[in-house]
Amino acid sequence: TKLGYMDLSGKVTDIVDNVGGTTLGRPYASGS
């Protein structure tokens, strides 16, 4: 789960790739 930035031309810049950890039971994607 990544956090990115998209400018108004649609270009994407990745910031981090380690968002998540809010589902304790099984390793699903999550986070905010």
PDB file of all heavy atoms in Angstrom:
ATOM      1  N   THR A   1       0.862  -1.183   0.000  1.00  0.00           N
ATOM      2  CA  THR A   1       0.000   0.000   0.000  1.00  0.00           C
ATOM      3  C   THR A   1       0.896   1.230   0.000  1.00  0.00           C
ATOM      4  O   THR A   1       1.671   1.448   0.936  1.00  0.00           O
ATOM      5  CB  THR A   1      -0.928   0.005   1.213  1.00  0.00           C
ATOM      6  OG1 THR A   1      -1.711  -1.192   1.199  1.00  0.00           O
ATOM      7  CG2 THR A   1      -1.857   1.204   1.162  1.00  0.00           C
ATOM      8  N   LYS A   2       0.773   2.012  -1.056  1.00  0.00           N
ATOM      9  CA  LYS A   2       1.662   3.145  -1.274  1.00  0.00           C
ATOM     10  C   LYS A   2       0.930   4.470  -1.047  1.00  0.00           C
ATOM     11  O   LYS A   2      -0.283   4.561  -1.199  1.00  0.00           O
ATOM     12  CB  LYS A   2       2.225   3.111  -2.697  1.00  0.00           C
ATOM     13  CG  LYS A   2       3.095   1.897  -2.990  1.00  0.00           C
ATOM     14  CD  LYS A   2       3.665   1.947  -4.397  1.00  0.00           C
ATOM     15  CE  LYS A   2       4.618   0.788  -4.654  1.00  0.00           C
ATOM     16  NZ  LYS A   2       5.213   0.847  -6.030  1.00  0.00           N
ATOM     17  N   LEU A   3       1.710   5.456  -0.712  1.00  0.00           N
ATOM     18  CA  LEU A   3       1.239   6.832  -0.625  1.00  0.00           C
ATOM     19  C   LEU A   3       1.948   7.603  -1.725  1.00  0.00           C
ATOM     20  O   LEU A   3       3.185   7.586  -1.818  1.00  0.00           O
ATOM     21  CB  LEU A   3       1.570   7.411   0.745  1.00  0.00           C
ATOM     22  CG  LEU A   3       1.222   8.875   1.012  1.00  0.00           C
ATOM     23  CD1 LEU A   3      -0.264   9.099   0.856  1.00  0.00           C
ATOM     24  CD2 LEU A   3       1.665   9.261   2.421  1.00  0.00           C
ATOM     25  N   GLY A   4       1.160   8.241  -2.590  1.00  0.00           N
ATOM     26  CA  GLY A   4       1.742   8.944  -3.719  1.00  0.00           C
ATOM     27  C   GLY A   4       1.195  10.353  -3.857  1.00  0.00           C
ATOM     28  O   GLY A   4       0.273  10.774  -3.155  1.00  0.00           O
ATOM     29  N   TYR A   5       1.786  11.069  -4.792  1.00  0.00           N
ATOM     30  CA  TYR A   5       1.347  12.427  -5.132  1.00  0.00           C
ATOM     31  C   TYR A   5       1.147  12.475  -6.642  1.00  0.00           C
ATOM     32  O   TYR A   5       2.000  12.021  -7.421  1.00  0.00           O
ATOM     33  CB  TYR A   5       2.391  13.456  -4.710  1.00  0.00           C
ATOM     34  CG  TYR A   5       2.089  14.872  -5.168  1.00  0.00           C
ATOM     35  CD1 TYR A   5       1.239  15.696  -4.439  1.00  0.00           C
ATOM     36  CD2 TYR A   5       2.650  15.374  -6.340  1.00  0.00           C
ATOM     37  CE1 TYR A   5       0.956  16.992  -4.856  1.00  0.00           C
ATOM     38  CE2 TYR A   5       2.382  16.669  -6.770  1.00  0.00           C
ATOM     39  CZ  TYR A   5       1.537  17.472  -6.022  1.00  0.00           C
ATOM     40  OH  TYR A   5       1.254  18.751  -6.444  1.00  0.00           O
ATOM     41  N   MET A   6       0.002  13.004  -7.071  1.00  0.00           N
ATOM     42  CA  MET A   6      -0.298  13.120  -8.493  1.00  0.00           C
ATOM     43  C   MET A   6      -0.527  14.585  -8.842  1.00  0.00           C
ATOM     44  O   MET A   6      -1.380  15.243  -8.240  1.00  0.00           O
ATOM     45  CB  MET A   6      -1.540  12.294  -8.840  1.00  0.00           C
ATOM     46  CG  MET A   6      -1.872  12.262 -10.331  1.00  0.00           C
ATOM     47  SD  MET A   6      -3.349  11.257 -10.697  1.00  0.00           S
ATOM     48  CE  MET A   6      -2.809   9.629 -10.170  1.00  0.00           C
ATOM     49  N   ASP A   7       0.255  15.089  -9.801  1.00  0.00           N
ATOM     50  CA  ASP A   7       0.043  16.477 -10.216  1.00  0.00           C
ATOM     51  C   ASP A   7      -1.107  16.533 -11.217  1.00  0.00           C
ATOM     52  O   ASP A   7      -1.686  15.505 -11.593  1.00  0.00           O
ATOM     53  CB  ASP A   7       1.324  17.096 -10.763  1.00  0.00           C
ATOM     54  CG  ASP A   7       1.826  16.462 -12.059  1.00  0.00           C
ATOM     55  OD1 ASP A   7       1.018  15.841 -12.779  1.00  0.00           O
ATOM     56  OD2 ASP A   7       3.024  16.585 -12.362  1.00  0.00           O
ATOM     57  N   LEU A   8      -1.463  17.716 -11.663  1.00  0.00           N
ATOM     58  CA  LEU A   8      -2.647  17.879 -12.496  1.00  0.00           C
ATOM     59  C   LEU A   8      -2.438  17.427 -13.934  1.00  0.00           C
ATOM     60  O   LEU A   8      -3.372  17.473 -14.746  1.00  0.00           O
ATOM     61  CB  LEU A   8      -3.110  19.338 -12.456  1.00  0.00           C
ATOM     62  CG  LEU A   8      -3.556  19.834 -11.074  1.00  0.00           C
ATOM     63  CD1 LEU A   8      -4.139  21.236 -11.170  1.00  0.00           C
ATOM     64  CD2 LEU A   8      -4.548  18.883 -10.435  1.00  0.00           C
ATOM     65  N   SER A   9      -1.234  16.942 -14.262  1.00  0.00           N
ATOM     66  CA  SER A   9      -1.016  16.301 -15.556  1.00  0.00           C
ATOM     67  C   SER A   9      -1.126  14.783 -15.444  1.00  0.00           C
ATOM     68  O   SER A   9      -1.037  14.075 -16.449  1.00  0.00           O
ATOM     69  CB  SER A   9       0.362  16.674 -16.111  1.00  0.00           C
ATOM     70  OG  SER A   9       1.398  16.058 -15.348  1.00  0.00           O
ATOM     71  N   GLY A  10      -1.305  14.282 -14.211  1.00  0.00           N
ATOM     72  CA  GLY A  10      -1.410  12.845 -13.991  1.00  0.00           C
ATOM     73  C   GLY A  10      -0.111  12.173 -13.626  1.00  0.00           C
ATOM     74  O   GLY A  10      -0.075  10.951 -13.428  1.00  0.00           O
ATOM     75  N   LYS A  11       0.972  12.929 -13.510  1.00  0.00           N
ATOM     76  CA  LYS A  11       2.259  12.339 -13.144  1.00  0.00           C
ATOM     77  C   LYS A  11       2.244  11.931 -11.678  1.00  0.00           C
ATOM     78  O   LYS A  11       1.840  12.694 -10.803  1.00  0.00           O
ATOM     79  CB  LYS A  11       3.386  13.341 -13.387  1.00  0.00           C
ATOM     80  CG  LYS A  11       4.769  12.817 -13.008  1.00  0.00           C
ATOM     81  CD  LYS A  11       5.847  13.880 -13.193  1.00  0.00           C
ATOM     82  CE  LYS A  11       7.195  13.357 -12.723  1.00  0.00           C
ATOM     83  NZ  LYS A  11       8.259  14.401 -12.843  1.00  0.00           N
ATOM     84  N   VAL A  12       2.712  10.699 -11.405  1.00  0.00           N
ATOM     85  CA  VAL A  12       2.682  10.146 -10.054  1.00  0.00           C
ATOM     86  C   VAL A  12       4.097  10.104  -9.476  1.00  0.00           C
ATOM     87  O   VAL A  12       5.038   9.653 -10.130  1.00  0.00           O
ATOM     88  CB  VAL A  12       2.087   8.727 -10.047  1.00  0.00           C
ATOM     89  CG1 VAL A  12       2.189   8.089  -8.657  1.00  0.00           C
ATOM     90  CG2 VAL A  12       0.637   8.762 -10.505  1.00  0.00           C
ATOM     91  N   THR A  13       4.218  10.584  -8.240  1.00  0.00           N
ATOM     92  CA  THR A  13       5.468  10.480  -7.486  1.00  0.00           C
ATOM     93  C   THR A  13       5.184   9.680  -6.220  1.00  0.00           C
ATOM     94  O   THR A  13       4.345  10.065  -5.410  1.00  0.00           O
ATOM     95  CB  THR A  13       6.002  11.869  -7.097  1.00  0.00           C
ATOM     96  OG1 THR A  13       6.197  12.650  -8.281  1.00  0.00           O
ATOM     97  CG2 THR A  13       7.312  11.748  -6.334  1.00  0.00           C
ATOM     98  N   ASP A  14       5.860   8.542  -6.074  1.00  0.00           N
ATOM     99  CA  ASP A  14       5.687   7.736  -4.872  1.00  0.00           C
ATOM    100  C   ASP A  14       6.394   8.386  -3.689  1.00  0.00           C
ATOM    101  O   ASP A  14       7.486   8.934  -3.827  1.00  0.00           O
ATOM    102  CB  ASP A  14       6.238   6.327  -5.080  1.00  0.00           C
ATOM    103  CG  ASP A  14       5.320   5.469  -5.941  1.00  0.00           C
ATOM    104  OD1 ASP A  14       4.140   5.826  -6.084  1.00  0.00           O
ATOM    105  OD2 ASP A  14       5.790   4.442  -6.471  1.00  0.00           O
ATOM    106  N   ILE A  15       5.751   8.300  -2.531  1.00  0.00           N
ATOM    107  CA  ILE A  15       6.323   8.874  -1.309  1.00  0.00           C
ATOM    108  C   ILE A  15       6.757   7.767  -0.362  1.00  0.00           C
ATOM    109  O   ILE A  15       7.909   7.733   0.072  1.00  0.00           O
ATOM    110  CB  ILE A  15       5.302   9.812  -0.636  1.00  0.00           C
ATOM    111  CG1 ILE A  15       4.936  10.951  -1.597  1.00  0.00           C
ATOM    112  CG2 ILE A  15       5.872  10.385   0.672  1.00  0.00           C
ATOM    113  CD1 ILE A  15       3.788  11.817  -1.125  1.00  0.00           C
ATOM    114  N   VAL A  16       5.862   6.838  -0.020  1.00  0.00           N
ATOM    115  CA  VAL A  16       6.221   5.668   0.789  1.00  0.00           C
ATOM    116  C   VAL A  16       5.463   4.463   0.245  1.00  0.00           C
ATOM    117  O   VAL A  16       4.458   4.597  -0.461  1.00  0.00           O
ATOM    118  CB  VAL A  16       5.893   5.851   2.290  1.00  0.00           C
ATOM    119  CG1 VAL A  16       6.741   6.949   2.903  1.00  0.00           C
ATOM    120  CG2 VAL A  16       4.418   6.133   2.502  1.00  0.00           C
ATOM    121  N   ASP A  17       5.930   3.264   0.590  1.00  0.00           N
ATOM    122  CA  ASP A  17       5.255   2.037   0.160  1.00  0.00           C
ATOM    123  C   ASP A  17       4.957   1.119   1.335  1.00  0.00           C
ATOM    124  O   ASP A  17       4.887  -0.102   1.181  1.00  0.00           O
ATOM    125  CB  ASP A  17       6.105   1.294  -0.879  1.00  0.00           C
ATOM    126  CG  ASP A  17       7.445   0.830  -0.343  1.00  0.00           C
ATOM    127  OD1 ASP A  17       7.736   1.054   0.857  1.00  0.00           O
ATOM    128  OD2 ASP A  17       8.220   0.223  -1.115  1.00  0.00           O
ATOM    129  N   ASN A  18       4.773   1.707   2.521  1.00  0.00           N
ATOM    130  CA  ASN A  18       4.579   0.887   3.721  1.00  0.00           C
ATOM    131  C   ASN A  18       3.407   1.377   4.569  1.00  0.00           C
ATOM    132  O   ASN A  18       3.477   1.414   5.792  1.00  0.00           O
ATOM    133  CB  ASN A  18       5.862   0.851   4.551  1.00  0.00           C
ATOM    134  CG  ASN A  18       6.365   2.248   4.930  1.00  0.00           C
ATOM    135  OD1 ASN A  18       5.729   3.249   4.608  1.00  0.00           O
ATOM    136  ND2 ASN A  18       7.494   2.299   5.605  1.00  0.00           N
ATOM    137  N   VAL A  19       2.307   1.729   3.905  1.00  0.00           N
ATOM    138  CA  VAL A  19       1.105   2.129   4.623  1.00  0.00           C
ATOM    139  C   VAL A  19       0.324   0.867   5.008  1.00  0.00           C
ATOM    140  O   VAL A  19       0.314  -0.114   4.258  1.00  0.00           O
ATOM    141  CB  VAL A  19       0.219   3.044   3.756  1.00  0.00           C
ATOM    142  CG1 VAL A  19      -1.012   3.501   4.528  1.00  0.00           C
ATOM    143  CG2 VAL A  19       1.018   4.232   3.250  1.00  0.00           C
ATOM    144  N   GLY A  20      -0.322   0.864   6.161  1.00  0.00           N
ATOM    145  CA  GLY A  20      -1.161  -0.280   6.524  1.00  0.00           C
ATOM    146  C   GLY A  20      -1.089  -0.597   7.999  1.00  0.00           C
ATOM    147  O   GLY A  20      -0.870   0.276   8.841  1.00  0.00           O
ATOM    148  N   GLY A  21      -1.296  -1.876   8.313  1.00  0.00           N
ATOM    149  CA  GLY A  21      -1.135  -2.358   9.675  1.00  0.00           C
ATOM    150  C   GLY A  21      -2.331  -2.201  10.576  1.00  0.00           C
ATOM    151  O   GLY A  21      -2.225  -2.392  11.783  1.00  0.00           O
ATOM    152  N   THR A  22      -3.514  -1.866  10.020  1.00  0.00           N
ATOM    153  CA  THR A  22      -4.682  -1.631  10.875  1.00  0.00           C
ATOM    154  C   THR A  22      -5.684  -2.785  10.834  1.00  0.00           C
ATOM    155  O   THR A  22      -6.776  -2.674  11.378  1.00  0.00           O
ATOM    156  CB  THR A  22      -5.391  -0.321  10.485  1.00  0.00           C
ATOM    157  OG1 THR A  22      -5.832  -0.396   9.131  1.00  0.00           O
ATOM    158  CG2 THR A  22      -4.456   0.858  10.644  1.00  0.00           C
ATOM    159  N   THR A  23      -5.335  -3.893  10.182  1.00  0.00           N
ATOM    160  CA  THR A  23      -6.148  -5.107  10.250  1.00  0.00           C
ATOM    161  C   THR A  23      -5.328  -6.158  10.970  1.00  0.00           C
ATOM    162  O   THR A  23      -4.306  -6.600  10.467  1.00  0.00           O
ATOM    163  CB  THR A  23      -6.552  -5.611   8.857  1.00  0.00           C
ATOM    164  OG1 THR A  23      -5.382  -5.903   8.098  1.00  0.00           O
ATOM    165  CG2 THR A  23      -7.369  -4.576   8.118  1.00  0.00           C
ATOM    166  N   LEU A  24      -5.761  -6.573  12.147  1.00  0.00           N
ATOM    167  CA  LEU A  24      -4.941  -7.446  12.988  1.00  0.00           C
ATOM    168  C   LEU A  24      -5.074  -8.915  12.647  1.00  0.00           C
ATOM    169  O   LEU A  24      -4.147  -9.688  12.837  1.00  0.00           O
ATOM    170  CB  LEU A  24      -5.295  -7.244  14.462  1.00  0.00           C
ATOM    171  CG  LEU A  24      -5.003  -5.876  15.068  1.00  0.00           C
ATOM    172  CD1 LEU A  24      -5.180  -5.922  16.575  1.00  0.00           C
ATOM    173  CD2 LEU A  24      -3.600  -5.408  14.716  1.00  0.00           C
ATOM    174  N   GLY A  25      -6.242  -9.345  12.177  1.00  0.00           N
ATOM    175  CA  GLY A  25      -6.470 -10.766  11.974  1.00  0.00           C
ATOM    176  C   GLY A  25      -5.623 -11.347  10.871  1.00  0.00           C
ATOM    177  O   GLY A  25      -4.779 -12.211  11.100  1.00  0.00           O
ATOM    178  N   ARG A  26      -5.843 -10.873   9.643  1.00  0.00           N
ATOM    179  CA  ARG A  26      -5.109 -11.386   8.487  1.00  0.00           C
ATOM    180  C   ARG A  26      -4.445 -10.217   7.751  1.00  0.00           C
ATOM    181  O   ARG A  26      -4.830  -9.068   7.942  1.00  0.00           O
ATOM    182  CB  ARG A  26      -6.064 -12.165   7.584  1.00  0.00           C
ATOM    183  CG  ARG A  26      -6.537 -13.463   8.225  1.00  0.00           C
ATOM    184  CD  ARG A  26      -7.420 -14.281   7.301  1.00  0.00           C
ATOM    185  NE  ARG A  26      -8.774 -13.758   7.227  1.00  0.00           N
ATOM    186  CZ  ARG A  26      -9.669 -14.136   6.309  1.00  0.00           C
ATOM    187  NH1 ARG A  26      -9.335 -14.990   5.372  1.00  0.00           N
ATOM    188  NH2 ARG A  26     -10.884 -13.633   6.314  1.00  0.00           N
ATOM    189  N   PRO A  27      -3.448 -10.494   6.905  1.00  0.00           N
ATOM    190  CA  PRO A  27      -2.590  -9.417   6.368  1.00  0.00           C
ATOM    191  C   PRO A  27      -3.172  -8.686   5.166  1.00  0.00           C
ATOM    192  O   PRO A  27      -2.547  -8.603   4.098  1.00  0.00           O
ATOM    193  CB  PRO A  27      -1.299 -10.164   6.006  1.00  0.00           C
ATOM    194  CG  PRO A  27      -1.757 -11.540   5.648  1.00  0.00           C
ATOM    195  CD  PRO A  27      -2.911 -11.846   6.560  1.00  0.00           C
ATOM    196  N   TYR A  28      -4.363  -8.119   5.339  1.00  0.00           N
ATOM    197  CA  TYR A  28      -4.982  -7.359   4.260  1.00  0.00           C
ATOM    198  C   TYR A  28      -4.390  -5.953   4.147  1.00  0.00           C
ATOM    199  O   TYR A  28      -3.858  -5.405   5.110  1.00  0.00           O
ATOM    200  CB  TYR A  28      -6.487  -7.240   4.491  1.00  0.00           C
ATOM    201  CG  TYR A  28      -7.261  -8.503   4.220  1.00  0.00           C
ATOM    202  CD1 TYR A  28      -7.867  -9.199   5.252  1.00  0.00           C
ATOM    203  CD2 TYR A  28      -7.383  -8.994   2.924  1.00  0.00           C
ATOM    204  CE1 TYR A  28      -8.588 -10.362   5.002  1.00  0.00           C
ATOM    205  CE2 TYR A  28      -8.099 -10.154   2.664  1.00  0.00           C
ATOM    206  CZ  TYR A  28      -8.700 -10.837   3.706  1.00  0.00           C
ATOM    207  OH  TYR A  28      -9.398 -11.983   3.453  1.00  0.00           O
ATOM    208  N   ALA A  29      -4.537  -5.378   2.957  1.00  0.00           N
ATOM    209  CA  ALA A  29      -4.192  -3.970   2.758  1.00  0.00           C
ATOM    210  C   ALA A  29      -5.097  -3.102   3.622  1.00  0.00           C
ATOM    211  O   ALA A  29      -6.280  -3.386   3.785  1.00  0.00           O
ATOM    212  CB  ALA A  29      -4.344  -3.593   1.284  1.00  0.00           C
ATOM    213  N   SER A  30      -4.538  -2.034   4.180  1.00  0.00           N
ATOM    214  CA  SER A  30      -5.307  -1.140   5.052  1.00  0.00           C
ATOM    215  C   SER A  30      -4.515   0.155   5.204  1.00  0.00           C
ATOM    216  O   SER A  30      -3.524   0.375   4.518  1.00  0.00           O
ATOM    217  CB  SER A  30      -5.551  -1.791   6.422  1.00  0.00           C
ATOM    218  OG  SER A  30      -4.320  -2.019   7.104  1.00  0.00           O
ATOM    219  N   GLY A  31      -4.942   0.987   6.152  1.00  0.00           N
ATOM    220  CA  GLY A  31      -4.184   2.186   6.483  1.00  0.00           C
ATOM    221  C   GLY A  31      -4.861   3.475   6.070  1.00  0.00           C
ATOM    222  O   GLY A  31      -5.864   3.485   5.351  1.00  0.00           O
ATOM    223  N   SER A  32      -4.299   4.583   6.557  1.00  0.00           N
ATOM    224  CA  SER A  32      -4.834   5.907   6.251  1.00  0.00           C
ATOM    225  C   SER A  32      -3.750   6.952   6.464  1.00  0.00           C
ATOM    226  O   SER A  32      -2.685   6.665   7.024  1.00  0.00           O
ATOM    227  CB  SER A  32      -6.057   6.220   7.125  1.00  0.00           C
ATOM    228  OG  SER A  32      -5.736   6.123   8.496  1.00  0.00           O
TER     229      SER A  32
END
